[in-house]
């Protein structure tokens, strides 16, 4: 085979390899997108549990802050439910991280990998938020007798502690949402990298 024919043959093979790689990348990007959608379902469920838990705790805290004695059995039931919801949410976020990690093993663009990393960082921050949120029902459950009117001064100290934790929770949640928004903006700014 002449040198010219070899060069043409190599160029044709190279073009085929590039075409196959490009078509494979598209298929793997679609698979990564499917994994991200599955991960988002887990996130939505976790956030719903987080909101339910937070709302229950807010009602208890408002009552305690107003000096209202909280019945021990009611406090225990609410705090146990909130701890359970928070733990379920943390478990779902752990599964979400696994799905996002698996999506990163697909043959996707560097921008897509950057997008996935931002989603994982956001998820880590959301998990930190949930861990902080779990501290509130645990604290209230441990101090249920103080909240029931046995120690009004202690009850006010607990309310102050919870207010500080709530501030941290809001800050962490906002940081998580900022990273998630950055990921979505990255996707909007360079849609070709996500095809």
N, C-alpha and C. Protein backbone atom coordinates (compact mmCIF):
# COMPACT_ATOMS: atom_id res chain seq x y z
N UNK A 1 0.85 -1.17 0.00
CA UNK A 1 0.00 0.00 0.00
C UNK A 1 0.90 1.24 0.00
N UNK A 2 0.57 2.19 -0.86
CA UNK A 2 1.39 3.38 -0.95
C UNK A 2 1.21 4.26 0.28
N UNK A 3 2.14 5.15 0.48
CA UNK A 3 2.13 6.06 1.63
C UNK A 3 0.87 6.94 1.60
N UNK A 4 0.46 7.37 0.42
CA UNK A 4 -0.72 8.21 0.26
C UNK A 4 -1.98 7.44 0.68
N UNK A 5 -2.09 6.19 0.23
CA UNK A 5 -3.25 5.38 0.58
C UNK A 5 -3.29 5.09 2.08
N UNK A 6 -2.11 4.87 2.68
CA UNK A 6 -2.04 4.63 4.13
C UNK A 6 -2.53 5.86 4.89
N UNK A 7 -2.12 7.02 4.44
CA UNK A 7 -2.53 8.27 5.10
C UNK A 7 -4.04 8.45 5.02
N UNK A 8 -4.60 8.19 3.84
CA UNK A 8 -6.05 8.31 3.67
C UNK A 8 -6.76 7.29 4.55
N UNK A 9 -6.26 6.08 4.57
CA UNK A 9 -6.83 5.01 5.39
C UNK A 9 -6.82 5.39 6.88
N UNK A 10 -5.71 5.93 7.33
CA UNK A 10 -5.58 6.34 8.74
C UNK A 10 -6.55 7.49 9.05
N UNK A 11 -6.67 8.43 8.13
CA UNK A 11 -7.58 9.56 8.33
C UNK A 11 -9.03 9.09 8.40
N UNK A 12 -9.39 8.14 7.53
CA UNK A 12 -10.76 7.60 7.55
C UNK A 12 -11.01 6.87 8.88
N UNK A 13 -10.06 6.06 9.32
CA UNK A 13 -10.21 5.36 10.61
C UNK A 13 -10.32 6.35 11.76
N UNK A 14 -9.48 7.38 11.73
CA UNK A 14 -9.51 8.39 12.77
C UNK A 14 -10.85 9.10 12.81
N UNK A 15 -11.40 9.42 11.64
CA UNK A 15 -12.71 10.07 11.57
C UNK A 15 -13.80 9.17 12.14
N UNK A 16 -13.71 7.87 11.84
CA UNK A 16 -14.69 6.92 12.39
C UNK A 16 -14.59 6.83 13.91
N UNK A 17 -13.38 6.78 14.42
CA UNK A 17 -13.17 6.71 15.88
C UNK A 17 -13.73 7.96 16.55
N UNK A 18 -13.46 9.11 15.97
CA UNK A 18 -13.97 10.37 16.53
C UNK A 18 -15.49 10.39 16.49
N UNK A 19 -16.06 9.93 15.39
CA UNK A 19 -17.52 9.91 15.25
C UNK A 19 -18.14 8.97 16.28
N UNK A 20 -17.54 7.79 16.45
CA UNK A 20 -18.05 6.84 17.44
C UNK A 20 -17.92 7.39 18.85
N UNK A 21 -16.80 8.03 19.14
CA UNK A 21 -16.61 8.62 20.47
C UNK A 21 -17.62 9.71 20.73
N UNK A 22 -17.87 10.54 19.72
CA UNK A 22 -18.84 11.63 19.89
C UNK A 22 -20.25 11.08 20.10
N UNK A 23 -20.62 10.06 19.33
CA UNK A 23 -21.96 9.51 19.50
C UNK A 23 -22.08 8.81 20.84
N UNK A 24 -21.02 8.17 21.30
CA UNK A 24 -21.03 7.53 22.62
C UNK A 24 -21.16 8.54 23.73
N UNK A 25 -20.51 9.68 23.56
CA UNK A 25 -20.57 10.73 24.57
C UNK A 25 -22.01 11.23 24.72
N UNK A 26 -22.70 11.39 23.59
CA UNK A 26 -24.09 11.83 23.65
C UNK A 26 -24.96 10.86 24.42
N UNK A 27 -24.76 9.55 24.16
CA UNK A 27 -25.53 8.53 24.86
C UNK A 27 -25.22 8.56 26.36
N UNK A 28 -23.96 8.73 26.68
CA UNK A 28 -23.58 8.75 28.09
C UNK A 28 -24.04 10.03 28.77
N UNK A 29 -24.11 11.13 28.02
CA UNK A 29 -24.65 12.37 28.58
C UNK A 29 -26.13 12.19 28.90
N UNK A 30 -26.84 11.51 28.02
CA UNK A 30 -28.27 11.24 28.27
C UNK A 30 -28.42 10.37 29.52
N UNK A 31 -27.54 9.39 29.67
CA UNK A 31 -27.58 8.53 30.87
C UNK A 31 -27.25 9.34 32.12
N UNK A 32 -26.27 10.23 32.02
CA UNK A 32 -25.92 11.09 33.16
C UNK A 32 -27.11 12.00 33.51
N UNK A 33 -27.79 12.52 32.49
CA UNK A 33 -28.97 13.36 32.72
C UNK A 33 -30.06 12.57 33.47
N UNK A 34 -30.24 11.32 33.08
CA UNK A 34 -31.24 10.48 33.75
C UNK A 34 -30.87 10.30 35.23
N UNK A 35 -29.59 10.09 35.50
CA UNK A 35 -29.14 9.93 36.89
C UNK A 35 -29.35 11.22 37.69
N UNK A 36 -29.08 12.36 37.05
CA UNK A 36 -29.28 13.64 37.72
C UNK A 36 -30.76 13.85 38.04
N UNK A 37 -31.64 13.47 37.11
CA UNK A 37 -33.09 13.61 37.36
C UNK A 37 -33.51 12.72 38.53
N UNK A 38 -33.00 11.50 38.57
CA UNK A 38 -33.29 10.61 39.70
C UNK A 38 -32.78 11.21 41.01
N UNK A 39 -31.60 11.82 40.94
CA UNK A 39 -31.02 12.46 42.12
C UNK A 39 -31.87 13.64 42.58
N UNK A 40 -32.44 14.37 41.62
CA UNK A 40 -33.28 15.52 41.96
C UNK A 40 -34.57 15.10 42.66
N UNK A 41 -35.11 13.94 42.28
CA UNK A 41 -36.30 13.42 42.96
C UNK A 41 -35.97 13.16 44.43
N UNK A 42 -34.80 12.60 44.70
CA UNK A 42 -34.37 12.35 46.08
C UNK A 42 -34.20 13.67 46.84
N UNK A 43 -33.65 14.67 46.17
CA UNK A 43 -33.47 15.98 46.81
C UNK A 43 -34.81 16.60 47.20
N UNK A 44 -35.76 16.55 46.27
CA UNK A 44 -37.08 17.13 46.55
C UNK A 44 -37.74 16.44 47.74
N UNK A 45 -37.64 15.13 47.79
CA UNK A 45 -38.23 14.38 48.91
C UNK A 45 -37.54 14.74 50.22
N UNK A 46 -36.21 14.86 50.19
CA UNK A 46 -35.46 15.21 51.40
C UNK A 46 -35.82 16.62 51.88
N UNK A 47 -35.92 17.55 50.95
CA UNK A 47 -36.27 18.94 51.31
C UNK A 47 -37.68 18.99 51.89
N UNK A 48 -38.60 18.20 51.34
CA UNK A 48 -39.97 18.16 51.87
C UNK A 48 -39.97 17.65 53.32
N UNK A 49 -39.19 16.62 53.60
CA UNK A 49 -39.08 16.11 54.97
C UNK A 49 -38.44 17.16 55.89
N UNK A 50 -37.44 17.85 55.36
CA UNK A 50 -36.76 18.91 56.11
C UNK A 50 -37.76 20.01 56.48
N UNK A 51 -38.57 20.43 55.52
CA UNK A 51 -39.56 21.49 55.78
C UNK A 51 -40.60 21.05 56.79
N UNK A 52 -41.04 19.82 56.68
CA UNK A 52 -42.03 19.28 57.63
C UNK A 52 -41.45 19.27 59.04
N UNK A 53 -40.22 18.80 59.17
CA UNK A 53 -39.54 18.77 60.46
C UNK A 53 -39.35 20.17 61.02
N UNK A 54 -38.92 21.09 60.16
CA UNK A 54 -38.66 22.47 60.58
C UNK A 54 -39.95 23.15 61.04
N UNK A 55 -41.03 22.92 60.31
CA UNK A 55 -42.31 23.54 60.68
C UNK A 55 -42.78 23.04 62.05
N UNK A 56 -42.63 21.76 62.30
CA UNK A 56 -43.02 21.20 63.60
C UNK A 56 -42.21 21.83 64.73
N UNK A 57 -40.91 22.00 64.49
CA UNK A 57 -40.04 22.59 65.51
C UNK A 57 -40.36 24.07 65.72
N UNK A 58 -40.66 24.77 64.64
CA UNK A 58 -41.00 26.19 64.75
C UNK A 58 -42.23 26.39 65.64
N UNK A 59 -43.22 25.52 65.49
CA UNK A 59 -44.42 25.63 66.33
C UNK A 59 -44.09 25.43 67.80
N UNK A 60 -43.25 24.45 68.09
CA UNK A 60 -42.84 24.24 69.49
C UNK A 60 -42.09 25.44 70.04
N UNK A 61 -41.17 25.95 69.26
CA UNK A 61 -40.34 27.07 69.71
C UNK A 61 -41.17 28.32 69.94
N UNK A 62 -42.12 28.59 69.04
CA UNK A 62 -42.97 29.77 69.24
C UNK A 62 -43.75 29.66 70.55
N UNK A 63 -44.25 28.46 70.82
CA UNK A 63 -44.97 28.26 72.08
C UNK A 63 -44.07 28.47 73.28
N UNK A 64 -42.86 27.89 73.22
CA UNK A 64 -41.92 28.04 74.34
C UNK A 64 -41.48 29.49 74.49
N UNK A 65 -41.25 30.18 73.38
CA UNK A 65 -40.82 31.58 73.43
C UNK A 65 -41.90 32.46 74.04
N UNK A 66 -43.16 32.08 73.85
CA UNK A 66 -44.28 32.84 74.41
C UNK A 66 -44.54 32.47 75.87
N UNK A 67 -43.71 31.56 76.41
CA UNK A 67 -43.87 31.16 77.81
C UNK A 67 -44.92 30.09 78.02
N UNK A 68 -45.39 29.49 76.93
CA UNK A 68 -46.40 28.45 77.01
C UNK A 68 -45.74 27.13 77.43
N UNK A 69 -46.30 26.47 78.44
CA UNK A 69 -45.78 25.17 78.85
C UNK A 69 -46.20 24.13 77.81
N UNK A 70 -45.23 23.32 77.39
CA UNK A 70 -45.51 22.32 76.37
C UNK A 70 -45.70 20.95 77.01
N UNK A 71 -46.80 20.27 76.74
CA UNK A 71 -47.03 18.95 77.33
C UNK A 71 -45.91 17.99 76.93
N UNK A 72 -45.37 17.25 77.90
CA UNK A 72 -44.23 16.37 77.68
C UNK A 72 -44.52 15.34 76.59
N UNK A 73 -45.67 14.68 76.68
CA UNK A 73 -45.96 13.63 75.69
C UNK A 73 -46.07 14.20 74.27
N UNK A 74 -46.64 15.39 74.16
CA UNK A 74 -46.77 16.04 72.84
C UNK A 74 -45.39 16.43 72.30
N UNK A 75 -44.57 16.99 73.17
CA UNK A 75 -43.22 17.40 72.77
C UNK A 75 -42.42 16.19 72.30
N UNK A 76 -42.50 15.10 73.06
CA UNK A 76 -41.75 13.90 72.70
C UNK A 76 -42.20 13.35 71.35
N UNK A 77 -43.49 13.30 71.13
CA UNK A 77 -44.02 12.78 69.86
C UNK A 77 -43.56 13.64 68.68
N UNK A 78 -43.61 14.95 68.85
CA UNK A 78 -43.22 15.86 67.77
C UNK A 78 -41.71 15.80 67.52
N UNK A 79 -40.92 15.80 68.60
CA UNK A 79 -39.46 15.78 68.41
C UNK A 79 -39.00 14.44 67.85
N UNK A 80 -39.59 13.33 68.29
CA UNK A 80 -39.22 12.02 67.73
C UNK A 80 -39.54 11.97 66.24
N UNK A 81 -40.70 12.49 65.86
CA UNK A 81 -41.08 12.52 64.45
C UNK A 81 -40.12 13.38 63.63
N UNK A 82 -39.72 14.51 64.19
CA UNK A 82 -38.80 15.41 63.48
C UNK A 82 -37.42 14.78 63.32
N UNK A 83 -36.95 14.09 64.35
CA UNK A 83 -35.65 13.40 64.26
C UNK A 83 -35.72 12.32 63.18
N UNK A 84 -36.80 11.57 63.16
CA UNK A 84 -36.99 10.51 62.16
C UNK A 84 -37.02 11.10 60.74
N UNK A 85 -37.77 12.19 60.55
CA UNK A 85 -37.83 12.84 59.24
C UNK A 85 -36.45 13.34 58.81
N UNK A 86 -35.72 13.93 59.74
CA UNK A 86 -34.38 14.45 59.42
C UNK A 86 -33.44 13.32 59.02
N UNK A 87 -33.50 12.22 59.73
CA UNK A 87 -32.63 11.08 59.40
C UNK A 87 -32.99 10.47 58.06
N UNK A 88 -34.29 10.40 57.77
CA UNK A 88 -34.72 9.92 56.45
C UNK A 88 -34.20 10.84 55.35
N UNK A 89 -34.29 12.14 55.60
CA UNK A 89 -33.82 13.12 54.61
C UNK A 89 -32.31 12.97 54.39
N UNK A 90 -31.56 12.76 55.46
CA UNK A 90 -30.12 12.58 55.32
C UNK A 90 -29.80 11.32 54.52
N UNK A 91 -30.57 10.28 54.75
CA UNK A 91 -30.36 9.04 53.99
C UNK A 91 -30.63 9.27 52.50
N UNK A 92 -31.69 10.00 52.20
CA UNK A 92 -32.01 10.29 50.80
C UNK A 92 -30.92 11.13 50.14
N UNK A 93 -30.36 12.07 50.90
CA UNK A 93 -29.29 12.90 50.35
C UNK A 93 -28.02 12.09 50.13
N UNK A 94 -27.80 11.07 50.96
CA UNK A 94 -26.67 10.16 50.74
C UNK A 94 -26.85 9.38 49.45
N UNK A 95 -28.08 8.90 49.21
CA UNK A 95 -28.38 8.19 47.96
C UNK A 95 -28.24 9.14 46.76
N UNK A 96 -28.64 10.39 46.96
CA UNK A 96 -28.52 11.38 45.89
C UNK A 96 -27.05 11.58 45.52
N UNK A 97 -26.20 11.66 46.52
CA UNK A 97 -24.78 11.84 46.24
C UNK A 97 -24.23 10.65 45.45
N UNK A 98 -24.67 9.44 45.79
CA UNK A 98 -24.24 8.26 45.04
C UNK A 98 -24.63 8.37 43.56
N UNK A 99 -25.85 8.83 43.30
CA UNK A 99 -26.32 8.96 41.91
C UNK A 99 -25.51 10.03 41.16
N UNK A 100 -25.23 11.14 41.84
CA UNK A 100 -24.44 12.19 41.20
C UNK A 100 -23.02 11.72 40.94
N UNK A 101 -22.48 10.96 41.86
CA UNK A 101 -21.13 10.41 41.69
C UNK A 101 -21.11 9.45 40.49
N UNK A 102 -22.12 8.58 40.40
CA UNK A 102 -22.22 7.65 39.28
C UNK A 102 -22.35 8.38 37.94
N UNK A 103 -23.09 9.48 37.94
CA UNK A 103 -23.24 10.28 36.71
C UNK A 103 -21.87 10.80 36.26
N UNK A 104 -21.00 11.09 37.21
CA UNK A 104 -19.66 11.59 36.89
C UNK A 104 -18.76 10.54 36.25
N UNK A 105 -19.12 9.26 36.39
CA UNK A 105 -18.35 8.18 35.77
C UNK A 105 -18.69 8.00 34.30
N UNK A 106 -19.74 8.68 33.84
CA UNK A 106 -20.12 8.61 32.43
C UNK A 106 -19.14 9.44 31.60
N UNK A 107 -19.10 9.16 30.32
CA UNK A 107 -18.24 9.90 29.40
C UNK A 107 -18.94 11.21 29.05
N UNK A 108 -18.72 12.22 29.87
CA UNK A 108 -19.36 13.54 29.68
C UNK A 108 -18.29 14.61 29.57
N UNK A 109 -18.71 15.79 29.12
CA UNK A 109 -17.76 16.90 28.94
C UNK A 109 -17.22 17.39 30.28
N UNK A 110 -16.14 18.14 30.20
CA UNK A 110 -15.56 18.73 31.42
C UNK A 110 -16.55 19.69 32.09
N UNK A 111 -17.32 20.42 31.28
CA UNK A 111 -18.32 21.34 31.84
C UNK A 111 -19.39 20.54 32.59
N UNK A 112 -19.76 19.41 32.04
CA UNK A 112 -20.76 18.57 32.71
C UNK A 112 -20.20 18.07 34.04
N UNK A 113 -18.92 17.71 34.05
CA UNK A 113 -18.29 17.26 35.30
C UNK A 113 -18.26 18.40 36.32
N UNK A 114 -18.01 19.62 35.84
CA UNK A 114 -18.02 20.79 36.73
C UNK A 114 -19.43 21.00 37.30
N UNK A 115 -20.42 20.84 36.44
CA UNK A 115 -21.82 20.94 36.84
C UNK A 115 -22.14 19.91 37.93
N UNK A 116 -21.73 18.67 37.72
CA UNK A 116 -21.97 17.61 38.70
C UNK A 116 -21.27 17.90 40.02
N UNK A 117 -20.06 18.45 39.94
CA UNK A 117 -19.33 18.77 41.18
C UNK A 117 -20.06 19.85 41.97
N UNK A 118 -20.59 20.86 41.28
CA UNK A 118 -21.37 21.89 41.96
C UNK A 118 -22.62 21.30 42.62
N UNK A 119 -23.28 20.36 41.92
CA UNK A 119 -24.45 19.70 42.50
C UNK A 119 -24.06 18.89 43.72
N UNK A 120 -22.92 18.21 43.67
CA UNK A 120 -22.48 17.42 44.82
C UNK A 120 -22.08 18.34 45.99
N UNK A 121 -21.42 19.46 45.69
CA UNK A 121 -21.07 20.41 46.75
C UNK A 121 -22.33 20.98 47.39
N UNK A 122 -23.32 21.29 46.56
CA UNK A 122 -24.60 21.78 47.06
C UNK A 122 -25.25 20.72 47.96
N UNK A 123 -25.19 19.48 47.52
CA UNK A 123 -25.76 18.37 48.28
C UNK A 123 -25.06 18.21 49.63
N UNK A 124 -23.72 18.34 49.62
CA UNK A 124 -22.97 18.25 50.88
C UNK A 124 -23.41 19.35 51.86
N UNK A 125 -23.61 20.54 51.32
CA UNK A 125 -24.04 21.66 52.17
C UNK A 125 -25.45 21.42 52.68
N UNK A 126 -26.30 20.82 51.86
CA UNK A 126 -27.66 20.50 52.28
C UNK A 126 -27.64 19.42 53.37
N UNK A 127 -26.74 18.47 53.25
CA UNK A 127 -26.60 17.45 54.30
C UNK A 127 -26.14 18.09 55.61
N UNK A 128 -25.23 19.04 55.51
CA UNK A 128 -24.79 19.76 56.71
C UNK A 128 -25.96 20.52 57.32
N UNK A 129 -26.79 21.11 56.47
CA UNK A 129 -27.99 21.81 56.93
C UNK A 129 -28.89 20.86 57.71
N UNK A 130 -29.11 19.68 57.17
CA UNK A 130 -29.98 18.68 57.82
C UNK A 130 -29.40 18.22 59.16
N UNK A 131 -28.09 18.05 59.20
CA UNK A 131 -27.47 17.64 60.48
C UNK A 131 -27.68 18.72 61.55
N UNK A 132 -27.54 19.98 61.15
CA UNK A 132 -27.82 21.07 62.09
C UNK A 132 -29.29 21.05 62.51
N UNK A 133 -30.17 20.83 61.54
CA UNK A 133 -31.61 20.82 61.83
C UNK A 133 -31.97 19.70 62.80
N UNK A 134 -31.29 18.58 62.71
CA UNK A 134 -31.57 17.45 63.61
C UNK A 134 -31.22 17.80 65.06
N UNK A 135 -30.29 18.73 65.25
CA UNK A 135 -29.90 19.12 66.61
C UNK A 135 -31.06 19.75 67.37
N UNK A 136 -31.97 20.42 66.67
CA UNK A 136 -33.07 21.11 67.35
C UNK A 136 -34.04 20.12 68.01
N UNK A 137 -34.60 19.15 67.29
CA UNK A 137 -35.51 18.23 67.98
C UNK A 137 -34.82 17.40 69.05
N UNK A 138 -33.54 17.10 68.84
CA UNK A 138 -32.81 16.35 69.88
C UNK A 138 -32.71 17.20 71.15
N UNK A 139 -32.35 18.48 70.99
CA UNK A 139 -32.26 19.39 72.14
C UNK A 139 -33.61 19.54 72.83
N UNK A 140 -34.66 19.76 72.05
CA UNK A 140 -35.99 19.94 72.64
C UNK A 140 -36.48 18.65 73.31
N UNK A 141 -36.16 17.51 72.71
CA UNK A 141 -36.54 16.24 73.32
C UNK A 141 -35.82 16.01 74.65
N UNK A 142 -34.55 16.38 74.70
CA UNK A 142 -33.78 16.23 75.94
C UNK A 142 -34.24 17.19 77.02
N UNK A 143 -34.79 18.31 76.63
CA UNK A 143 -35.20 19.34 77.59
C UNK A 143 -36.72 19.47 77.68
N UNK A 144 -37.43 18.39 77.38
CA UNK A 144 -38.89 18.47 77.35
C UNK A 144 -39.51 18.86 78.69
N UNK A 145 -38.88 18.49 79.80
CA UNK A 145 -39.45 18.84 81.11
C UNK A 145 -39.29 20.34 81.40
N UNK A 146 -38.15 20.90 80.97
CA UNK A 146 -37.98 22.35 81.11
C UNK A 146 -39.03 23.08 80.28
N UNK A 147 -39.29 22.59 79.09
CA UNK A 147 -40.28 23.21 78.22
C UNK A 147 -41.71 23.01 78.73
N UNK A 148 -41.89 22.00 79.59
CA UNK A 148 -43.22 21.73 80.15
C UNK A 148 -43.52 22.63 81.34
N UNK A 149 -42.59 23.54 81.64
CA UNK A 149 -42.83 24.50 82.72
C UNK A 149 -42.09 24.20 84.00
N UNK A 150 -41.28 23.18 84.02
CA UNK A 150 -40.55 22.83 85.23
C UNK A 150 -39.40 23.80 85.51
N UNK A 151 -38.87 24.42 84.46
CA UNK A 151 -37.76 25.35 84.62
C UNK A 151 -37.87 26.43 83.53
N UNK A 152 -38.56 27.51 83.88
CA UNK A 152 -38.84 28.54 82.88
C UNK A 152 -37.58 29.25 82.40
N UNK A 153 -36.61 29.46 83.30
CA UNK A 153 -35.36 30.10 82.89
C UNK A 153 -34.60 29.23 81.88
N UNK A 154 -34.57 27.95 82.18
CA UNK A 154 -33.90 27.02 81.26
C UNK A 154 -34.63 27.00 79.92
N UNK A 155 -35.95 27.07 79.95
CA UNK A 155 -36.73 27.07 78.72
C UNK A 155 -36.34 28.26 77.85
N UNK A 156 -36.16 29.43 78.45
CA UNK A 156 -35.77 30.61 77.67
C UNK A 156 -34.35 30.48 77.12
N UNK A 157 -33.46 29.83 77.89
CA UNK A 157 -32.10 29.57 77.40
C UNK A 157 -32.14 28.64 76.19
N UNK A 158 -33.01 27.65 76.24
CA UNK A 158 -33.16 26.71 75.14
C UNK A 158 -33.67 27.43 73.90
N UNK A 159 -34.63 28.31 74.07
CA UNK A 159 -35.16 29.09 72.95
C UNK A 159 -34.04 29.90 72.30
N UNK A 160 -33.18 30.50 73.11
CA UNK A 160 -32.06 31.28 72.59
C UNK A 160 -31.09 30.38 71.81
N UNK A 161 -30.80 29.19 72.35
CA UNK A 161 -29.93 28.25 71.66
C UNK A 161 -30.52 27.85 70.30
N UNK A 162 -31.80 27.54 70.30
CA UNK A 162 -32.47 27.11 69.07
C UNK A 162 -32.45 28.24 68.04
N UNK A 163 -32.62 29.46 68.47
CA UNK A 163 -32.59 30.60 67.55
C UNK A 163 -31.23 30.67 66.85
N UNK A 164 -30.16 30.43 67.60
CA UNK A 164 -28.81 30.42 67.01
C UNK A 164 -28.66 29.29 66.00
N UNK A 165 -29.17 28.12 66.33
CA UNK A 165 -29.09 26.98 65.41
C UNK A 165 -29.90 27.28 64.14
N UNK A 166 -31.08 27.88 64.31
CA UNK A 166 -31.92 28.23 63.15
C UNK A 166 -31.21 29.21 62.22
N UNK A 167 -30.46 30.14 62.79
CA UNK A 167 -29.69 31.08 61.99
C UNK A 167 -28.66 30.33 61.14
N UNK A 168 -27.95 29.37 61.78
CA UNK A 168 -26.96 28.56 61.06
C UNK A 168 -27.62 27.73 59.95
N UNK A 169 -28.79 27.18 60.25
CA UNK A 169 -29.51 26.36 59.27
C UNK A 169 -29.85 27.20 58.04
N UNK A 170 -30.38 28.39 58.26
CA UNK A 170 -30.75 29.26 57.14
C UNK A 170 -29.54 29.62 56.30
N UNK A 171 -28.44 29.92 56.97
CA UNK A 171 -27.20 30.28 56.26
C UNK A 171 -26.71 29.10 55.41
N UNK A 172 -26.66 27.91 55.99
CA UNK A 172 -26.20 26.73 55.27
C UNK A 172 -27.13 26.40 54.09
N UNK A 173 -28.43 26.50 54.32
CA UNK A 173 -29.38 26.20 53.26
C UNK A 173 -29.21 27.18 52.09
N UNK A 174 -29.02 28.45 52.40
CA UNK A 174 -28.82 29.46 51.35
C UNK A 174 -27.54 29.19 50.56
N UNK A 175 -26.49 28.74 51.26
CA UNK A 175 -25.23 28.40 50.58
C UNK A 175 -25.46 27.22 49.63
N UNK A 176 -26.22 26.24 50.08
CA UNK A 176 -26.53 25.08 49.24
C UNK A 176 -27.29 25.51 47.99
N UNK A 177 -28.28 26.36 48.18
CA UNK A 177 -29.09 26.82 47.05
C UNK A 177 -28.26 27.67 46.07
N UNK A 178 -27.32 28.46 46.59
CA UNK A 178 -26.45 29.26 45.73
C UNK A 178 -25.64 28.36 44.81
N UNK A 179 -25.07 27.29 45.38
CA UNK A 179 -24.28 26.36 44.56
C UNK A 179 -25.16 25.64 43.54
N UNK A 180 -26.35 25.27 43.93
CA UNK A 180 -27.27 24.60 43.01
C UNK A 180 -27.65 25.54 41.86
N UNK A 181 -27.88 26.82 42.18
CA UNK A 181 -28.19 27.82 41.15
C UNK A 181 -27.00 28.04 40.22
N UNK A 182 -25.77 28.01 40.78
CA UNK A 182 -24.57 28.15 39.95
C UNK A 182 -24.47 26.99 38.97
N UNK A 183 -24.81 25.79 39.43
CA UNK A 183 -24.79 24.61 38.55
C UNK A 183 -25.77 24.79 37.40
N UNK A 184 -26.97 25.22 37.72
CA UNK A 184 -27.99 25.40 36.67
C UNK A 184 -27.60 26.53 35.71
N UNK A 185 -26.96 27.57 36.24
CA UNK A 185 -26.51 28.67 35.38
C UNK A 185 -25.42 28.19 34.43
N UNK A 186 -24.53 27.35 34.93
CA UNK A 186 -23.47 26.78 34.10
C UNK A 186 -24.07 26.01 32.93
N UNK A 187 -25.12 25.28 33.22
CA UNK A 187 -25.80 24.48 32.18
C UNK A 187 -26.48 25.40 31.16
N UNK A 188 -27.09 26.47 31.62
CA UNK A 188 -27.77 27.40 30.71
C UNK A 188 -26.78 28.17 29.85
N UNK A 189 -25.62 28.51 30.44
CA UNK A 189 -24.63 29.32 29.71
C UNK A 189 -23.94 28.55 28.59
N UNK A 190 -23.85 27.23 28.70
CA UNK A 190 -23.10 26.43 27.70
C UNK A 190 -23.87 25.14 27.40
N UNK A 191 -25.06 25.27 26.76
CA UNK A 191 -25.88 24.08 26.53
C UNK A 191 -25.21 23.01 25.67
N UNK A 192 -24.30 23.41 24.75
CA UNK A 192 -23.64 22.44 23.88
C UNK A 192 -22.81 21.43 24.70
N UNK A 193 -22.29 21.86 25.81
CA UNK A 193 -21.47 20.96 26.64
C UNK A 193 -22.30 19.91 27.35
N UNK A 194 -23.63 20.05 27.26
CA UNK A 194 -24.53 19.13 27.95
C UNK A 194 -25.34 18.28 26.97
N UNK A 195 -24.87 18.21 25.72
CA UNK A 195 -25.56 17.40 24.71
C UNK A 195 -24.86 16.09 24.49
